[in-house]
Amino acid sequence: MLDAARDAVAEGRSLSFNDLAREADVGVGTVYRHFASAEALRAALAADSLDDLLDVGRRALGMPEPLEALATFLKSALTAQLKDDALAQIVETDNDVDPRTSEVKAKLRSTFTTLVDSAAATGALRSGVSADHLVAMLCGVSHAARLHPREQAPAAADQFLTILLAGLASPPDGRSR
């Protein structure tokens, strides 16, 4: 069922339980027994990606160079968004149907904010850059990368992220532009 749902999301199709049941070769009742709603199904699709991203964030917190730690996390987040089409939808919503999803997202937000604040505290980031700014910019990079054919998107995302990170770094003379 999850494979059929992943295919539907990747192709931009709706998560019709009737269609998923047919594609997964199960009864529609089986789909409803596992997932109360399309939102619950999306949460199940994104659960592994959220957990993996939280693990990356925790490892990044232990890195000695805050800007490198932030870059590592941003690259992983971007890669996850490009790989998992359900992830962006789950991250963007404030009304999670699964309490565990809300919990993991809160931990991710806290971890990300700590990474941004740590990089800012060292002077590695331009003044005024916040976690909210970076979330919006990462969404923009993800969108721009998705404008490329799917097989070219990861390389485009790497290039765009490199440009973004260069623009976020404090100028070498220490003055804010």
Protein backbone atom coordinates (compact mmCIF):
# COMPACT_ATOMS: atom_id res chain seq x y z
CA MET A 1 0.00 0.00 0.00
CA LEU A 2 2.80 2.41 0.89
CA ASP A 3 4.59 1.72 -2.39
CA ALA A 4 1.42 2.47 -4.34
CA ALA A 5 0.93 5.64 -2.30
CA ARG A 6 4.53 6.74 -2.90
CA ASP A 7 4.04 6.26 -6.62
CA ALA A 8 0.83 8.31 -6.53
CA VAL A 9 2.48 11.18 -4.65
CA ALA A 10 5.54 11.12 -6.91
CA GLU A 11 3.30 11.31 -9.97
CA GLY A 12 1.21 14.12 -8.48
CA ARG A 13 -1.92 12.00 -8.25
CA SER A 14 -4.38 12.21 -5.37
CA LEU A 15 -4.25 9.62 -2.62
CA SER A 16 -7.53 7.98 -3.55
CA PHE A 17 -7.98 4.97 -1.30
CA ASN A 18 -9.91 3.14 -4.01
CA ASP A 19 -7.08 3.64 -6.50
CA LEU A 20 -4.45 2.67 -3.91
CA ALA A 21 -6.34 -0.49 -3.00
CA ARG A 22 -6.57 -1.48 -6.66
CA GLU A 23 -2.87 -0.75 -7.29
CA ALA A 24 -1.78 -2.57 -4.12
CA ASP A 25 -4.12 -5.48 -4.91
CA VAL A 26 -5.93 -5.24 -1.58
CA GLY A 27 -9.47 -4.37 -0.60
CA VAL A 28 -10.30 -0.74 0.09
CA GLY A 29 -11.29 -1.77 3.63
CA THR A 30 -7.70 -2.87 4.21
CA VAL A 31 -6.46 0.58 3.27
CA TYR A 32 -8.98 2.23 5.62
CA ARG A 33 -8.05 -0.14 8.46
CA HIS A 34 -4.43 1.00 8.22
CA PHE A 35 -5.00 4.68 7.47
CA ALA A 36 -7.94 6.73 8.73
CA SER A 37 -7.36 9.48 6.17
CA ALA A 38 -5.11 10.63 3.35
CA GLU A 39 -3.29 12.79 5.91
CA ALA A 40 -2.56 9.72 8.04
CA LEU A 41 -1.24 7.97 4.95
CA ARG A 42 1.02 10.95 4.13
CA ALA A 43 2.34 10.89 7.70
CA ALA A 44 3.16 7.20 7.33
CA LEU A 45 4.93 7.90 4.04
CA ALA A 46 7.08 10.63 5.56
CA ALA A 47 7.82 8.97 8.92
CA ASP A 48 11.10 7.35 7.88
CA SER A 49 12.36 10.53 6.23
CA LEU A 50 11.53 12.59 9.32
CA ASP A 51 13.32 10.11 11.58
CA ASP A 52 16.37 10.00 9.29
CA LEU A 53 16.52 13.78 9.15
CA LEU A 54 16.32 14.02 12.93
CA ASP A 55 19.24 11.58 13.19
CA VAL A 56 21.27 13.75 10.79
CA GLY A 57 20.42 16.82 12.85
CA ARG A 58 21.53 15.18 16.07
CA ARG A 59 24.83 14.12 14.49
CA ALA A 60 25.29 17.63 13.09
CA LEU A 61 24.87 19.10 16.58
CA GLY A 62 28.01 17.19 17.57
CA MET A 63 30.12 18.55 14.72
CA PRO A 64 32.88 20.98 15.77
CA GLU A 65 32.28 23.56 12.99
CA PRO A 66 28.79 25.12 13.29
CA LEU A 67 28.57 26.35 9.68
CA GLU A 68 29.63 22.93 8.37
CA ALA A 69 27.07 21.32 10.69
CA LEU A 70 24.33 23.59 9.35
CA ALA A 71 25.37 22.90 5.75
CA THR A 72 25.32 19.14 6.43
CA PHE A 73 21.81 19.36 7.80
CA LEU A 74 20.55 21.59 4.98
CA LYS A 75 21.97 19.23 2.35
CA SER A 76 20.30 16.26 4.03
CA ALA A 77 17.00 18.10 4.32
CA LEU A 78 17.12 19.08 0.67
CA THR A 79 18.02 15.55 -0.41
CA ALA A 80 15.15 14.17 1.67
CA GLN A 81 12.69 16.63 0.12
CA LEU A 82 13.75 15.64 -3.38
CA LYS A 83 13.63 11.93 -2.59
CA ASP A 84 10.40 11.88 -0.58
CA ASP A 85 7.53 13.71 -2.24
CA ALA A 86 5.30 13.37 0.84
CA LEU A 87 7.82 15.02 3.16
CA ALA A 88 7.21 18.62 2.09
CA GLN A 89 3.45 18.24 2.55
CA ILE A 90 3.91 16.86 6.05
CA VAL A 91 6.48 19.46 7.09
CA GLU A 92 4.33 22.33 5.82
CA THR A 93 1.16 21.41 7.73
CA ASP A 94 0.49 22.58 11.25
CA ASN A 95 -2.37 20.13 11.80
CA ASP A 96 -0.77 16.70 12.09
CA VAL A 97 -3.13 13.76 12.44
CA ASP A 98 -0.41 11.67 14.06
CA PRO A 99 0.91 12.90 17.43
CA ARG A 100 4.25 11.18 16.75
CA THR A 101 4.65 13.26 13.58
CA SER A 102 4.09 16.43 15.62
CA GLU A 103 6.65 15.29 18.17
CA VAL A 104 9.33 14.52 15.57
CA LYS A 105 8.66 17.79 13.75
CA ALA A 106 9.04 19.74 17.02
CA LYS A 107 12.36 18.03 17.68
CA LEU A 108 13.47 18.79 14.13
CA ARG A 109 12.55 22.47 14.52
CA SER A 110 14.46 22.66 17.79
CA THR A 111 17.50 20.92 16.34
CA PHE A 112 17.48 23.12 13.25
CA THR A 113 17.10 26.31 15.28
CA THR A 114 20.03 25.25 17.47
CA LEU A 115 22.17 24.64 14.36
CA VAL A 116 21.28 28.06 12.93
CA ASP A 117 21.81 29.83 16.26
CA SER A 118 25.17 28.10 16.75
CA ALA A 119 26.40 29.16 13.31
CA ALA A 120 25.15 32.71 13.94
CA ALA A 121 26.82 32.86 17.35
CA THR A 122 30.22 32.17 15.77
CA GLY A 123 29.69 35.00 13.29
CA ALA A 124 29.69 32.52 10.40
CA LEU A 125 26.25 33.66 9.19
CA ARG A 126 25.20 37.09 8.05
CA SER A 127 23.50 39.00 10.81
CA GLY A 128 19.74 38.65 10.90
CA VAL A 129 19.54 35.19 9.29
CA SER A 130 17.01 33.07 11.18
CA ALA A 131 15.83 29.47 11.03
CA ASP A 132 12.56 30.70 9.49
CA HIS A 133 14.50 32.44 6.71
CA LEU A 134 16.43 29.27 5.97
CA VAL A 135 13.29 27.13 5.89
CA ALA A 136 11.79 29.44 3.27
CA MET A 137 15.02 29.53 1.26
CA LEU A 138 15.38 25.76 1.37
CA CYS A 139 11.83 25.43 0.04
CA GLY A 140 12.84 27.74 -2.80
CA VAL A 141 15.94 25.67 -3.58
CA SER A 142 13.85 22.50 -3.54
CA HIS A 143 11.31 24.05 -5.90
CA ALA A 144 14.03 25.30 -8.25
CA ALA A 145 15.69 21.87 -8.31
CA ARG A 146 12.36 20.19 -9.11
CA LEU A 147 12.08 22.33 -12.24
CA HIS A 148 14.83 20.12 -13.66
CA PRO A 149 14.23 16.57 -14.88
CA ARG A 150 14.10 14.20 -11.90
CA GLU A 151 17.50 12.66 -12.61
CA GLN A 152 19.12 16.12 -12.80
CA ALA A 153 17.42 17.55 -9.71
CA PRO A 154 20.01 16.36 -7.14
CA ALA A 155 22.91 17.98 -8.99
CA ALA A 156 20.93 21.18 -9.47
CA ALA A 157 20.00 21.18 -5.78
CA ASP A 158 23.66 20.81 -4.77
CA GLN A 159 24.61 23.73 -6.98
CA PHE A 160 21.78 25.92 -5.69
CA LEU A 161 22.55 25.03 -2.07
CA THR A 162 26.22 25.92 -2.59
CA ILE A 163 25.17 29.33 -3.92
CA LEU A 164 22.74 29.80 -1.03
CA LEU A 165 25.35 28.92 1.59
CA ALA A 166 27.87 31.30 0.02
CA GLY A 167 25.31 34.06 0.24
CA LEU A 168 24.52 33.28 3.87
CA ALA A 169 28.12 33.35 5.04
CA SER A 170 29.35 36.47 6.78
CA PRO A 171 31.48 38.61 4.50
CA PRO A 172 35.22 38.08 5.09
CA ASP A 173 35.62 41.69 6.25
CA GLY A 174 32.99 41.07 8.95
CA ARG A 175 30.66 43.78 7.68
CA SER A 176 27.07 42.90 6.96
CA ARG A 177 25.89 43.66 3.45
